[in-house]
PDB file of all heavy atoms in Angstrom:
ATOM      1  N   ARG A   1      44.242  -7.710  56.893  1.00  0.00           N
ATOM      2  CA  ARG A   1      44.845  -7.894  55.564  1.00  0.00           C
ATOM      3  C   ARG A   1      46.093  -7.112  55.593  1.00  0.00           C
ATOM      4  O   ARG A   1      46.202  -6.123  56.336  1.00  0.00           O
ATOM      5  CB  ARG A   1      43.960  -7.677  54.481  1.00  0.00           C
ATOM      6  CG  ARG A   1      43.375  -6.183  54.287  1.00  0.00           C
ATOM      7  CD  ARG A   1      42.364  -6.024  53.276  1.00  0.00           C
ATOM      8  NE  ARG A   1      41.960  -4.714  53.240  1.00  0.00           N
ATOM      9  CZ  ARG A   1      42.151  -3.878  52.338  1.00  0.00           C
ATOM     10  NH1 ARG A   1      42.911  -4.267  51.263  1.00  0.00           N
ATOM     11  NH2 ARG A   1      41.491  -2.688  52.317  1.00  0.00           N
ATOM     12  N   GLN A   2      46.973  -7.301  54.602  1.00  0.00           N
ATOM     13  CA  GLN A   2      48.056  -6.285  54.241  1.00  0.00           C
ATOM     14  C   GLN A   2      47.614  -5.191  53.558  1.00  0.00           C
ATOM     15  O   GLN A   2      46.793  -5.304  52.618  1.00  0.00           O
ATOM     16  CB  GLN A   2      49.244  -6.962  53.430  1.00  0.00           C
ATOM     17  CG  GLN A   2      50.042  -8.050  54.358  1.00  0.00           C
ATOM     18  CD  GLN A   2      50.998  -7.478  55.467  1.00  0.00           C
ATOM     19  OE1 GLN A   2      50.808  -7.801  56.424  1.00  0.00           O
ATOM     20  NE2 GLN A   2      51.752  -6.502  54.820  1.00  0.00           N
ATOM     21  N   VAL A   3      47.970  -3.973  53.980  1.00  0.00           N
ATOM     22  CA  VAL A   3      47.687  -2.712  53.326  1.00  0.00           C
ATOM     23  C   VAL A   3      48.917  -1.996  52.773  1.00  0.00           C
ATOM     24  O   VAL A   3      49.814  -1.874  53.616  1.00  0.00           O
ATOM     25  CB  VAL A   3      46.878  -1.887  54.303  1.00  0.00           C
ATOM     26  CG1 VAL A   3      46.503  -0.516  53.553  1.00  0.00           C
ATOM     27  CG2 VAL A   3      45.381  -2.544  54.621  1.00  0.00           C
ATOM     28  N   SER A   4      48.839  -1.509  51.591  1.00  0.00           N
ATOM     29  CA  SER A   4      49.853  -0.723  51.114  1.00  0.00           C
ATOM     30  C   SER A   4      49.487   0.703  51.268  1.00  0.00           C
ATOM     31  O   SER A   4      48.649   1.241  50.497  1.00  0.00           O
ATOM     32  CB  SER A   4      50.039  -1.047  49.556  1.00  0.00           C
ATOM     33  OG  SER A   4      51.244  -0.331  48.971  1.00  0.00           O
ATOM     34  N   TYR A   5      50.159   1.352  52.224  1.00  0.00           N
ATOM     35  CA  TYR A   5      49.847   2.770  52.573  1.00  0.00           C
ATOM     36  C   TYR A   5      50.865   3.629  51.764  1.00  0.00           C
ATOM     37  O   TYR A   5      52.022   3.417  51.670  1.00  0.00           O
ATOM     38  CB  TYR A   5      50.037   2.981  54.109  1.00  0.00           C
ATOM     39  CG  TYR A   5      49.136   2.323  54.951  1.00  0.00           C
ATOM     40  CD1 TYR A   5      49.388   1.056  55.551  1.00  0.00           C
ATOM     41  CD2 TYR A   5      48.062   3.036  55.434  1.00  0.00           C
ATOM     42  CE1 TYR A   5      48.442   0.493  56.347  1.00  0.00           C
ATOM     43  CE2 TYR A   5      47.038   2.436  56.145  1.00  0.00           C
ATOM     44  CZ  TYR A   5      47.328   1.124  56.715  1.00  0.00           C
ATOM     45  OH  TYR A   5      46.357   0.527  57.582  1.00  0.00           O
ATOM     46  N   ALA A   6      50.393   4.816  51.504  1.00  0.00           N
ATOM     47  CA  ALA A   6      51.367   5.815  50.989  1.00  0.00           C
ATOM     48  C   ALA A   6      52.141   6.576  52.104  1.00  0.00           C
ATOM     49  O   ALA A   6      51.603   6.679  53.140  1.00  0.00           O
ATOM     50  CB  ALA A   6      50.533   6.897  50.033  1.00  0.00           C
ATOM     51  N   LEU A   7      53.191   7.006  51.739  1.00  0.00           N
ATOM     52  CA  LEU A   7      54.003   7.984  52.617  1.00  0.00           C
ATOM     53  C   LEU A   7      54.150   9.225  51.984  1.00  0.00           C
ATOM     54  O   LEU A   7      54.686   9.428  50.890  1.00  0.00           O
ATOM     55  CB  LEU A   7      55.368   7.326  52.902  1.00  0.00           C
ATOM     56  CG  LEU A   7      55.436   5.935  53.537  1.00  0.00           C
ATOM     57  CD1 LEU A   7      56.954   5.457  53.670  1.00  0.00           C
ATOM     58  CD2 LEU A   7      54.841   5.952  54.895  1.00  0.00           C
ATOM     59  N   CYS A   8      53.475  10.227  52.610  1.00  0.00           N
ATOM     60  CA  CYS A   8      53.560  11.641  51.908  1.00  0.00           C
ATOM     61  C   CYS A   8      54.718  12.498  52.275  1.00  0.00           C
ATOM     62  O   CYS A   8      54.721  13.129  53.412  1.00  0.00           O
ATOM     63  CB  CYS A   8      52.187  12.323  52.190  1.00  0.00           C
ATOM     64  SG  CYS A   8      52.013  13.840  51.267  1.00  0.00           S
ATOM     65  N   ASN A   9      55.871  12.317  51.698  1.00  0.00           N
ATOM     66  CA  ASN A   9      57.169  12.746  52.107  1.00  0.00           C
ATOM     67  C   ASN A   9      57.614  14.000  51.275  1.00  0.00           C
ATOM     68  O   ASN A   9      58.623  14.603  51.663  1.00  0.00           O
ATOM     69  CB  ASN A   9      58.217  11.752  52.064  1.00  0.00           C
ATOM     70  CG  ASN A   9      57.857  10.637  53.107  1.00  0.00           C
ATOM     71  OD1 ASN A   9      57.126  10.738  54.023  1.00  0.00           O
ATOM     72  ND2 ASN A   9      58.671   9.502  52.984  1.00  0.00           N
ATOM     73  N   ASP A  10      56.802  14.435  50.381  1.00  0.00           N
ATOM     74  CA  ASP A  10      57.319  15.529  49.641  1.00  0.00           C
ATOM     75  C   ASP A  10      56.124  16.306  48.946  1.00  0.00           C
ATOM     76  O   ASP A  10      54.995  15.824  48.896  1.00  0.00           O
ATOM     77  CB  ASP A  10      58.343  15.028  48.649  1.00  0.00           C
ATOM     78  CG  ASP A  10      57.858  13.963  47.726  1.00  0.00           C
ATOM     79  OD1 ASP A  10      56.566  13.961  47.387  1.00  0.00           O
ATOM     80  OD2 ASP A  10      58.573  13.171  47.254  1.00  0.00           O
ATOM     81  N   ARG A  11      56.561  17.360  48.339  1.00  0.00           N
ATOM     82  CA  ARG A  11      55.441  18.279  47.699  1.00  0.00           C
ATOM     83  C   ARG A  11      54.735  17.491  46.550  1.00  0.00           C
ATOM     84  O   ARG A  11      53.500  17.646  46.388  1.00  0.00           O
ATOM     85  CB  ARG A  11      56.226  19.598  47.129  1.00  0.00           C
ATOM     86  CG  ARG A  11      55.157  20.508  46.355  1.00  0.00           C
ATOM     87  CD  ARG A  11      55.910  21.523  45.546  1.00  0.00           C
ATOM     88  NE  ARG A  11      55.024  22.496  44.951  1.00  0.00           N
ATOM     89  CZ  ARG A  11      55.309  23.169  43.899  1.00  0.00           C
ATOM     90  NH1 ARG A  11      56.434  22.990  43.247  1.00  0.00           N
ATOM     91  NH2 ARG A  11      54.399  24.004  43.314  1.00  0.00           N
ATOM     92  N   ARG A  12      55.493  16.809  45.814  1.00  0.00           N
ATOM     93  CA  ARG A  12      54.984  16.133  44.605  1.00  0.00           C
ATOM     94  C   ARG A  12      53.913  15.135  45.033  1.00  0.00           C
ATOM     95  O   ARG A  12      52.709  15.205  44.447  1.00  0.00           O
ATOM     96  CB  ARG A  12      56.085  15.499  43.757  1.00  0.00           C
ATOM     97  CG  ARG A  12      55.584  14.831  42.512  1.00  0.00           C
ATOM     98  CD  ARG A  12      56.608  14.624  41.592  1.00  0.00           C
ATOM     99  NE  ARG A  12      57.631  13.570  41.982  1.00  0.00           N
ATOM    100  CZ  ARG A  12      58.325  12.824  41.017  1.00  0.00           C
ATOM    101  NH1 ARG A  12      58.170  12.965  39.756  1.00  0.00           N
ATOM    102  NH2 ARG A  12      59.238  12.015  41.541  1.00  0.00           N
ATOM    103  N   THR A  13      54.113  14.427  46.096  1.00  0.00           N
ATOM    104  CA  THR A  13      53.122  13.431  46.500  1.00  0.00           C
ATOM    105  C   THR A  13      51.885  14.104  47.123  1.00  0.00           C
ATOM    106  O   THR A  13      50.846  13.714  46.845  1.00  0.00           O
ATOM    107  CB  THR A  13      53.673  12.541  47.630  1.00  0.00           C
ATOM    108  OG1 THR A  13      54.875  11.867  47.075  1.00  0.00           O
ATOM    109  CG2 THR A  13      52.760  11.578  48.095  1.00  0.00           C
ATOM    110  N   LEU A  14      52.146  15.250  47.805  1.00  0.00           N
ATOM    111  CA  LEU A  14      51.069  16.017  48.373  1.00  0.00           C
ATOM    112  C   LEU A  14      50.169  16.556  47.205  1.00  0.00           C
ATOM    113  O   LEU A  14      48.991  16.468  47.298  1.00  0.00           O
ATOM    114  CB  LEU A  14      51.463  17.108  49.282  1.00  0.00           C
ATOM    115  CG  LEU A  14      50.470  17.872  50.104  1.00  0.00           C
ATOM    116  CD1 LEU A  14      49.742  17.012  50.996  1.00  0.00           C
ATOM    117  CD2 LEU A  14      51.054  18.984  50.875  1.00  0.00           C
ATOM    118  N   LEU A  15      50.747  17.073  46.240  1.00  0.00           N
ATOM    119  CA  LEU A  15      50.038  17.686  45.032  1.00  0.00           C
ATOM    120  C   LEU A  15      49.284  16.616  44.364  1.00  0.00           C
ATOM    121  O   LEU A  15      48.100  16.695  43.982  1.00  0.00           O
ATOM    122  CB  LEU A  15      50.932  18.291  44.000  1.00  0.00           C
ATOM    123  CG  LEU A  15      51.615  19.596  44.481  1.00  0.00           C
ATOM    124  CD1 LEU A  15      52.563  20.168  43.519  1.00  0.00           C
ATOM    125  CD2 LEU A  15      50.458  20.703  44.514  1.00  0.00           C
ATOM    126  N   TRP A  16      49.831  15.295  44.265  1.00  0.00           N
ATOM    127  CA  TRP A  16      49.099  14.188  43.618  1.00  0.00           C
ATOM    128  C   TRP A  16      47.974  13.864  44.425  1.00  0.00           C
ATOM    129  O   TRP A  16      46.854  13.586  43.850  1.00  0.00           O
ATOM    130  CB  TRP A  16      50.106  12.935  43.478  1.00  0.00           C
ATOM    131  CG  TRP A  16      49.443  11.833  42.935  1.00  0.00           C
ATOM    132  CD1 TRP A  16      49.116  11.568  41.580  1.00  0.00           C
ATOM    133  CD2 TRP A  16      48.844  10.693  43.606  1.00  0.00           C
ATOM    134  NE1 TRP A  16      48.391  10.344  41.340  1.00  0.00           N
ATOM    135  CE2 TRP A  16      48.259   9.892  42.679  1.00  0.00           C
ATOM    136  CE3 TRP A  16      48.778  10.350  44.950  1.00  0.00           C
ATOM    137  CZ2 TRP A  16      47.710   8.652  42.928  1.00  0.00           C
ATOM    138  CZ3 TRP A  16      48.200   9.113  45.269  1.00  0.00           C
ATOM    139  CH2 TRP A  16      47.513   8.302  44.264  1.00  0.00           C
ATOM    140  N   PHE A  17      47.937  13.762  45.709  1.00  0.00           N
ATOM    141  CA  PHE A  17      46.792  13.461  46.572  1.00  0.00           C
ATOM    142  C   PHE A  17      45.794  14.546  46.316  1.00  0.00           C
ATOM    143  O   PHE A  17      44.638  14.328  46.292  1.00  0.00           O
ATOM    144  CB  PHE A  17      47.207  13.526  48.014  1.00  0.00           C
ATOM    145  CG  PHE A  17      47.603  12.148  48.423  1.00  0.00           C
ATOM    146  CD1 PHE A  17      48.762  11.824  48.917  1.00  0.00           C
ATOM    147  CD2 PHE A  17      46.631  11.080  48.423  1.00  0.00           C
ATOM    148  CE1 PHE A  17      49.214  10.550  49.419  1.00  0.00           C
ATOM    149  CE2 PHE A  17      47.156   9.755  48.799  1.00  0.00           C
ATOM    150  CZ  PHE A  17      48.444   9.559  49.369  1.00  0.00           C
ATOM    151  N   GLY A  18      46.204  15.885  46.312  1.00  0.00           N
ATOM    152  CA  GLY A  18      45.249  16.956  46.058  1.00  0.00           C
ATOM    153  C   GLY A  18      44.533  16.784  44.822  1.00  0.00           C
ATOM    154  O   GLY A  18      43.249  16.899  44.675  1.00  0.00           O
ATOM    155  N   ASN A  19      45.248  16.407  43.760  1.00  0.00           N
ATOM    156  CA  ASN A  19      44.611  16.145  42.501  1.00  0.00           C
ATOM    157  C   ASN A  19      43.560  14.868  42.549  1.00  0.00           C
ATOM    158  O   ASN A  19      42.708  14.792  41.774  1.00  0.00           O
ATOM    159  CB  ASN A  19      45.704  15.823  41.315  1.00  0.00           C
ATOM    160  CG  ASN A  19      44.968  15.970  39.982  1.00  0.00           C
ATOM    161  OD1 ASN A  19      44.427  17.029  39.632  1.00  0.00           O
ATOM    162  ND2 ASN A  19      45.204  14.907  39.245  1.00  0.00           N
ATOM    163  N   GLN A  20      43.857  13.950  43.471  1.00  0.00           N
ATOM    164  CA  GLN A  20      42.964  12.809  43.670  1.00  0.00           C
ATOM    165  C   GLN A  20      41.704  13.216  44.570  1.00  0.00           C
ATOM    166  O   GLN A  20      40.963  12.389  44.990  1.00  0.00           O
ATOM    167  CB  GLN A  20      43.765  11.798  44.408  1.00  0.00           C
ATOM    168  CG  GLN A  20      44.777  11.133  43.639  1.00  0.00           C
ATOM    169  CD  GLN A  20      44.329  10.539  42.239  1.00  0.00           C
ATOM    170  OE1 GLN A  20      43.413   9.774  42.238  1.00  0.00           O
ATOM    171  NE2 GLN A  20      44.984  11.051  41.193  1.00  0.00           N
ATOM    172  N   ARG A  21      41.625  14.528  44.913  1.00  0.00           N
ATOM    173  CA  ARG A  21      40.547  15.031  45.724  1.00  0.00           C
ATOM    174  C   ARG A  21      40.653  14.522  47.061  1.00  0.00           C
ATOM    175  O   ARG A  21      39.583  14.184  47.736  1.00  0.00           O
ATOM    176  CB  ARG A  21      39.249  14.953  45.003  1.00  0.00           C
ATOM    177  CG  ARG A  21      39.049  15.464  43.649  1.00  0.00           C
ATOM    178  CD  ARG A  21      37.723  15.199  42.966  1.00  0.00           C
ATOM    179  NE  ARG A  21      36.619  15.887  43.722  1.00  0.00           N
ATOM    180  CZ  ARG A  21      36.098  17.031  43.096  1.00  0.00           C
ATOM    181  NH1 ARG A  21      36.571  17.534  42.068  1.00  0.00           N
ATOM    182  NH2 ARG A  21      35.185  17.587  43.721  1.00  0.00           N
ATOM    183  N   ALA A  22      41.747  14.259  47.600  1.00  0.00           N
ATOM    184  CA  ALA A  22      41.969  13.937  48.960  1.00  0.00           C
ATOM    185  C   ALA A  22      42.003  15.116  49.863  1.00  0.00           C
ATOM    186  O   ALA A  22      42.844  15.991  49.792  1.00  0.00           O
ATOM    187  CB  ALA A  22      43.382  13.178  49.211  1.00  0.00           C
ATOM    188  N   VAL A  23      40.849  15.307  50.613  1.00  0.00           N
ATOM    189  CA  VAL A  23      40.695  16.456  51.475  1.00  0.00           C
ATOM    190  C   VAL A  23      41.203  16.272  52.925  1.00  0.00           C
ATOM    191  O   VAL A  23      41.890  17.284  53.333  1.00  0.00           O
ATOM    192  CB  VAL A  23      39.124  16.717  51.609  1.00  0.00           C
ATOM    193  CG1 VAL A  23      38.951  18.004  52.437  1.00  0.00           C
ATOM    194  CG2 VAL A  23      38.491  17.042  50.320  1.00  0.00           C
ATOM    195  N   GLU A  24      41.058  15.116  53.513  1.00  0.00           N
ATOM    196  CA  GLU A  24      41.553  14.954  54.748  1.00  0.00           C
ATOM    197  C   GLU A  24      42.739  13.973  54.814  1.00  0.00           C
ATOM    198  O   GLU A  24      42.772  13.068  54.079  1.00  0.00           O
ATOM    199  CB  GLU A  24      40.470  14.290  55.703  1.00  0.00           C
ATOM    200  CG  GLU A  24      39.272  15.234  55.840  1.00  0.00           C
ATOM    201  CD  GLU A  24      38.436  14.773  56.998  1.00  0.00           C
ATOM    202  OE1 GLU A  24      38.775  13.832  57.803  1.00  0.00           O
ATOM    203  OE2 GLU A  24      37.194  15.311  57.070  1.00  0.00           O
ATOM    204  N   TYR A  25      43.715  14.165  55.736  1.00  0.00           N
ATOM    205  CA  TYR A  25      44.853  13.533  55.796  1.00  0.00           C
ATOM    206  C   TYR A  25      45.204  12.949  57.245  1.00  0.00           C
ATOM    207  O   TYR A  25      45.249  13.677  58.282  1.00  0.00           O
ATOM    208  CB  TYR A  25      46.118  14.455  55.517  1.00  0.00           C
ATOM    209  CG  TYR A  25      46.036  14.875  54.100  1.00  0.00           C
ATOM    210  CD1 TYR A  25      45.120  15.852  53.644  1.00  0.00           C
ATOM    211  CD2 TYR A  25      46.770  14.235  53.045  1.00  0.00           C
ATOM    212  CE1 TYR A  25      44.926  16.198  52.279  1.00  0.00           C
ATOM    213  CE2 TYR A  25      46.652  14.527  51.692  1.00  0.00           C
ATOM    214  CZ  TYR A  25      45.757  15.556  51.309  1.00  0.00           C
ATOM    215  OH  TYR A  25      45.576  15.794  50.038  1.00  0.00           O
ATOM    216  N   HIS A  26      45.081  11.614  57.466  1.00  0.00           N
ATOM    217  CA  HIS A  26      45.077  10.992  58.702  1.00  0.00           C
ATOM    218  C   HIS A  26      46.384  10.060  58.845  1.00  0.00           C
ATOM    219  O   HIS A  26      46.244   8.905  58.420  1.00  0.00           O
ATOM    220  CB  HIS A  26      43.873  10.103  58.921  1.00  0.00           C
ATOM    221  CG  HIS A  26      42.546  10.946  58.989  1.00  0.00           C
ATOM    222  ND1 HIS A  26      41.763  11.122  59.977  1.00  0.00           N
ATOM    223  CD2 HIS A  26      41.886  11.627  58.020  1.00  0.00           C
ATOM    224  CE1 HIS A  26      40.741  11.793  59.852  1.00  0.00           C
ATOM    225  NE2 HIS A  26      40.807  12.198  58.518  1.00  0.00           N
ATOM    226  N   PRO A  27      47.412  10.505  59.276  1.00  0.00           N
ATOM    227  CA  PRO A  27      48.667   9.642  59.481  1.00  0.00           C
ATOM    228  C   PRO A  27      48.514   8.849  60.802  1.00  0.00           C
ATOM    229  O   PRO A  27      47.689   9.105  61.629  1.00  0.00           O
ATOM    230  CB  PRO A  27      49.785  10.791  59.698  1.00  0.00           C
ATOM    231  CG  PRO A  27      49.086  11.891  60.205  1.00  0.00           C
ATOM    232  CD  PRO A  27      47.704  11.915  59.708  1.00  0.00           C
ATOM    233  N   THR A  28      49.309   7.757  60.829  1.00  0.00           N
ATOM    234  CA  THR A  28      49.309   6.953  61.942  1.00  0.00           C
ATOM    235  C   THR A  28      50.170   7.579  63.086  1.00  0.00           C
ATOM    236  O   THR A  28      50.876   8.657  62.762  1.00  0.00           O
ATOM    237  CB  THR A  28      50.037   5.587  61.730  1.00  0.00           C
ATOM    238  OG1 THR A  28      51.277   5.867  61.145  1.00  0.00           O
ATOM    239  CG2 THR A  28      49.179   4.772  60.694  1.00  0.00           C
ATOM    240  N   LEU A  29      50.050   7.007  64.361  1.00  0.00           N
ATOM    241  CA  LEU A  29      50.725   7.708  65.450  1.00  0.00           C
ATOM    242  C   LEU A  29      52.166   7.238  65.527  1.00  0.00           C
ATOM    243  O   LEU A  29      52.844   7.749  66.418  1.00  0.00           O
ATOM    244  CB  LEU A  29      49.962   7.405  66.672  1.00  0.00           C
ATOM    245  CG  LEU A  29      48.408   7.756  66.753  1.00  0.00           C
ATOM    246  CD1 LEU A  29      47.989   7.407  68.288  1.00  0.00           C
ATOM    247  CD2 LEU A  29      48.185   9.135  66.374  1.00  0.00           C
ATOM    248  N   ALA A  30      52.521   6.370  64.764  1.00  0.00           N
ATOM    249  CA  ALA A  30      53.900   5.765  64.656  1.00  0.00           C
ATOM    250  C   ALA A  30      54.378   5.828  63.285  1.00  0.00           C
ATOM    251  O   ALA A  30      53.607   6.072  62.361  1.00  0.00           O
ATOM    252  CB  ALA A  30      53.924   4.228  65.216  1.00  0.00           C
ATOM    253  N   THR A  31      55.710   5.783  63.068  1.00  0.00           N
ATOM    254  CA  THR A  31      56.307   5.837  61.763  1.00  0.00           C
ATOM    255  C   THR A  31      56.364   4.472  61.091  1.00  0.00           C
ATOM    256  O   THR A  31      56.185   3.481  61.948  1.00  0.00           O
ATOM    257  CB  THR A  31      57.716   6.422  61.885  1.00  0.00           C
ATOM    258  OG1 THR A  31      58.607   5.576  62.675  1.00  0.00           O
ATOM    259  CG2 THR A  31      57.757   7.841  62.490  1.00  0.00           C
ATOM    260  N   ALA A  32      56.569   4.494  59.921  1.00  0.00           N
ATOM    261  CA  ALA A  32      56.600   3.209  59.029  1.00  0.00           C
ATOM    262  C   ALA A  32      57.756   2.391  59.551  1.00  0.00           C
ATOM    263  O   ALA A  32      57.572   1.062  59.501  1.00  0.00           O
ATOM    264  CB  ALA A  32      56.809   3.512  57.631  1.00  0.00           C
ATOM    265  N   THR A  33      58.805   2.916  59.980  1.00  0.00           N
ATOM    266  CA  THR A  33      60.014   2.168  60.466  1.00  0.00           C
ATOM    267  C   THR A  33      59.777   1.604  61.841  1.00  0.00           C
ATOM    268  O   THR A  33      60.434   0.530  62.186  1.00  0.00           O
ATOM    269  CB  THR A  33      61.249   2.878  60.289  1.00  0.00           C
ATOM    270  OG1 THR A  33      61.196   4.175  61.229  1.00  0.00           O
ATOM    271  CG2 THR A  33      61.609   3.296  58.983  1.00  0.00           C
ATOM    272  N   ARG A  34      58.973   2.162  62.657  1.00  0.00           N
ATOM    273  CA  ARG A  34      58.732   1.738  64.037  1.00  0.00           C
ATOM    274  C   ARG A  34      57.207   1.726  64.355  1.00  0.00           C
ATOM    275  O   ARG A  34      56.751   2.397  65.250  1.00  0.00           O
ATOM    276  CB  ARG A  34      59.552   2.488  65.018  1.00  0.00           C
ATOM    277  CG  ARG A  34      61.035   2.587  64.747  1.00  0.00           C
ATOM    278  CD  ARG A  34      61.703   3.086  66.077  1.00  0.00           C
ATOM    279  NE  ARG A  34      61.781   2.004  67.066  1.00  0.00           N
ATOM    280  CZ  ARG A  34      62.295   2.050  68.255  1.00  0.00           C
ATOM    281  NH1 ARG A  34      62.681   3.208  68.702  1.00  0.00           N
ATOM    282  NH2 ARG A  34      62.337   1.153  69.157  1.00  0.00           N
ATOM    283  N   PRO A  35      56.491   0.844  63.739  1.00  0.00           N
ATOM    284  CA  PRO A  35      55.062   0.896  63.821  1.00  0.00           C
ATOM    285  C   PRO A  35      54.505   0.493  65.147  1.00  0.00           C
ATOM    286  O   PRO A  35      53.490   0.630  65.592  1.00  0.00           O
ATOM    287  CB  PRO A  35      54.576  -0.249  62.833  1.00  0.00           C
ATOM    288  CG  PRO A  35      55.762  -1.073  62.608  1.00  0.00           C
ATOM    289  CD  PRO A  35      56.939  -0.161  62.710  1.00  0.00           C
ATOM    290  N   ASP A  36      55.341  -0.167  66.068  1.00  0.00           N
ATOM    291  CA  ASP A  36      55.035  -0.512  67.315  1.00  0.00           C
ATOM    292  C   ASP A  36      55.412   0.459  68.501  1.00  0.00           C
ATOM    293  O   ASP A  36      55.464   0.180  69.701  1.00  0.00           O
ATOM    294  CB  ASP A  36      55.585  -1.980  67.747  1.00  0.00           C
ATOM    295  CG  ASP A  36      57.200  -1.930  67.674  1.00  0.00           C
ATOM    296  OD1 ASP A  36      57.716  -1.044  67.019  1.00  0.00           O
ATOM    297  OD2 ASP A  36      57.725  -2.800  68.257  1.00  0.00           O
ATOM    298  N   ARG A  37      55.885   1.597  68.005  1.00  0.00           N
ATOM    299  CA  ARG A  37      56.318   2.559  68.886  1.00  0.00           C
ATOM    300  C   ARG A  37      55.773   4.010  68.527  1.00  0.00           C
ATOM    301  O   ARG A  37      56.271   4.860  67.884  1.00  0.00           O
ATOM    302  CB  ARG A  37      57.871   2.796  68.928  1.00  0.00           C
ATOM    303  CG  ARG A  37      58.692   1.561  69.510  1.00  0.00           C
ATOM    304  CD  ARG A  37      58.407   1.345  70.954  1.00  0.00           C
ATOM    305  NE  ARG A  37      59.207   0.417  71.619  1.00  0.00           N
ATOM    306  CZ  ARG A  37      58.755  -0.890  71.856  1.00  0.00           C
ATOM    307  NH1 ARG A  37      57.508  -1.167  71.344  1.00  0.00           N
ATOM    308  NH2 ARG A  37      59.578  -1.771  72.350  1.00  0.00           N
ATOM    309  N   PRO A  38      54.598   4.233  69.257  1.00  0.00           N
ATOM    310  CA  PRO A  38      53.856   5.631  68.774  1.00  0.00           C
ATOM    311  C   PRO A  38      54.753   6.701  69.335  1.00  0.00           C
ATOM    312  O   PRO A  38      55.453   6.675  70.317  1.00  0.00           O
ATOM    313  CB  PRO A  38      52.620   5.494  69.742  1.00  0.00           C
ATOM    314  CG  PRO A  38      52.362   4.038  70.048  1.00  0.00           C
ATOM    315  CD  PRO A  38      53.858   3.390  70.098  1.00  0.00           C
ATOM    316  N   THR A  39      54.806   7.915  68.580  1.00  0.00           N
ATOM    317  CA  THR A  39      55.559   9.028  68.970  1.00  0.00           C
ATOM    318  C   THR A  39      54.777   9.913  69.858  1.00  0.00           C
ATOM    319  O   THR A  39      55.340  10.780  70.498  1.00  0.00           O
ATOM    320  CB  THR A  39      56.020   9.815  67.723  1.00  0.00           C
ATOM    321  OG1 THR A  39      54.842  10.130  67.024  1.00  0.00           O
ATOM    322  CG2 THR A  39      56.909   8.877  66.810  1.00  0.00           C
ATOM    323  N   HIS A  40      53.531   9.807  69.969  1.00  0.00           N
ATOM    324  CA  HIS A  40      52.654  10.721  70.734  1.00  0.00           C
ATOM    325  C   HIS A  40      51.499   9.803  71.417  1.00  0.00           C
ATOM    326  O   HIS A  40      51.024   8.919  70.817  1.00  0.00           O
ATOM    327  CB  HIS A  40      51.892  11.781  69.906  1.00  0.00           C
ATOM    328  CG  HIS A  40      52.929  12.702  69.309  1.00  0.00           C
ATOM    329  ND1 HIS A  40      53.627  12.344  68.159  1.00  0.00           N
ATOM    330  CD2 HIS A  40      53.247  14.019  69.647  1.00  0.00           C
ATOM    331  CE1 HIS A  40      54.382  13.443  67.859  1.00  0.00           C
ATOM    332  NE2 HIS A  40      54.240  14.448  68.618  1.00  0.00           N
ATOM    333  N   LEU A  41      51.126  10.428  72.673  1.00  0.00           N
ATOM    334  CA  LEU A  41      49.916   9.961  73.297  1.00  0.00           C
ATOM    335  C   LEU A  41      48.892  10.969  72.973  1.00  0.00           C
ATOM    336  O   LEU A  41      49.112  12.191  72.952  1.00  0.00           O
ATOM    337  CB  LEU A  41      50.194  10.010  74.738  1.00  0.00           C
ATOM    338  CG  LEU A  41      49.123   9.743  75.767  1.00  0.00           C
ATOM    339  CD1 LEU A  41      49.791   9.205  77.143  1.00  0.00           C
ATOM    340  CD2 LEU A  41      48.232  10.927  75.993  1.00  0.00           C
ATOM    341  N   ILE A  42      47.674  10.663  72.633  1.00  0.00           N
ATOM    342  CA  ILE A  42      46.717  11.617  72.099  1.00  0.00           C
ATOM    343  C   ILE A  42      45.358  11.286  72.851  1.00  0.00           C
ATOM    344  O   ILE A  42      44.811  10.241  72.991  1.00  0.00           O
ATOM    345  CB  ILE A  42      46.315  11.310  70.616  1.00  0.00           C
ATOM    346  CG1 ILE A  42      47.676  11.621  69.827  1.00  0.00           C
ATOM    347  CG2 ILE A  42      45.250  12.181  70.228  1.00  0.00           C
ATOM    348  CD1 ILE A  42      47.639  11.581  68.371  1.00  0.00           C
ATOM    349  N   LEU A  43      44.724  12.344  73.203  1.00  0.00           N
ATOM    350  CA  LEU A  43      43.393  12.427  73.838  1.00  0.00           C
ATOM    351  C   LEU A  43      42.459  13.233  72.858  1.00  0.00           C
ATOM    352  O   LEU A  43      42.944  14.332  72.529  1.00  0.00           O
ATOM    353  CB  LEU A  43      43.251  13.008  75.190  1.00  0.00           C
ATOM    354  CG  LEU A  43      43.721  12.018  76.325  1.00  0.00           C
ATOM    355  CD1 LEU A  43      43.675  12.661  77.721  1.00  0.00           C
ATOM    356  CD2 LEU A  43      42.626  10.882  76.439  1.00  0.00           C
ATOM    357  N   ASP A  44      41.410  12.661  72.536  1.00  0.00           N
ATOM    358  CA  ASP A  44      40.362  13.325  71.521  1.00  0.00           C
ATOM    359  C   ASP A  44      39.265  13.766  72.352  1.00  0.00           C
ATOM    360  O   ASP A  44      38.487  12.877  72.888  1.00  0.00           O
ATOM    361  CB  ASP A  44      40.050  12.353  70.404  1.00  0.00           C
ATOM    362  CG  ASP A  44      39.072  12.908  69.372  1.00  0.00           C
ATOM    363  OD1 ASP A  44      38.804  14.147  69.453  1.00  0.00           O
ATOM    364  OD2 ASP A  44      38.698  12.134  68.501  1.00  0.00           O
TER     365      ASP A  44
END
């Protein structure tokens, strides 16, 4: 399905997430403008 994701680009948005009791922050490996081009390779 289509998902409407937030972009946390400033202090105000981060504070709003904190007030929502958002403890963990999991961004995608690519940016919103180039979702098919990961910026990093990751091993966990």
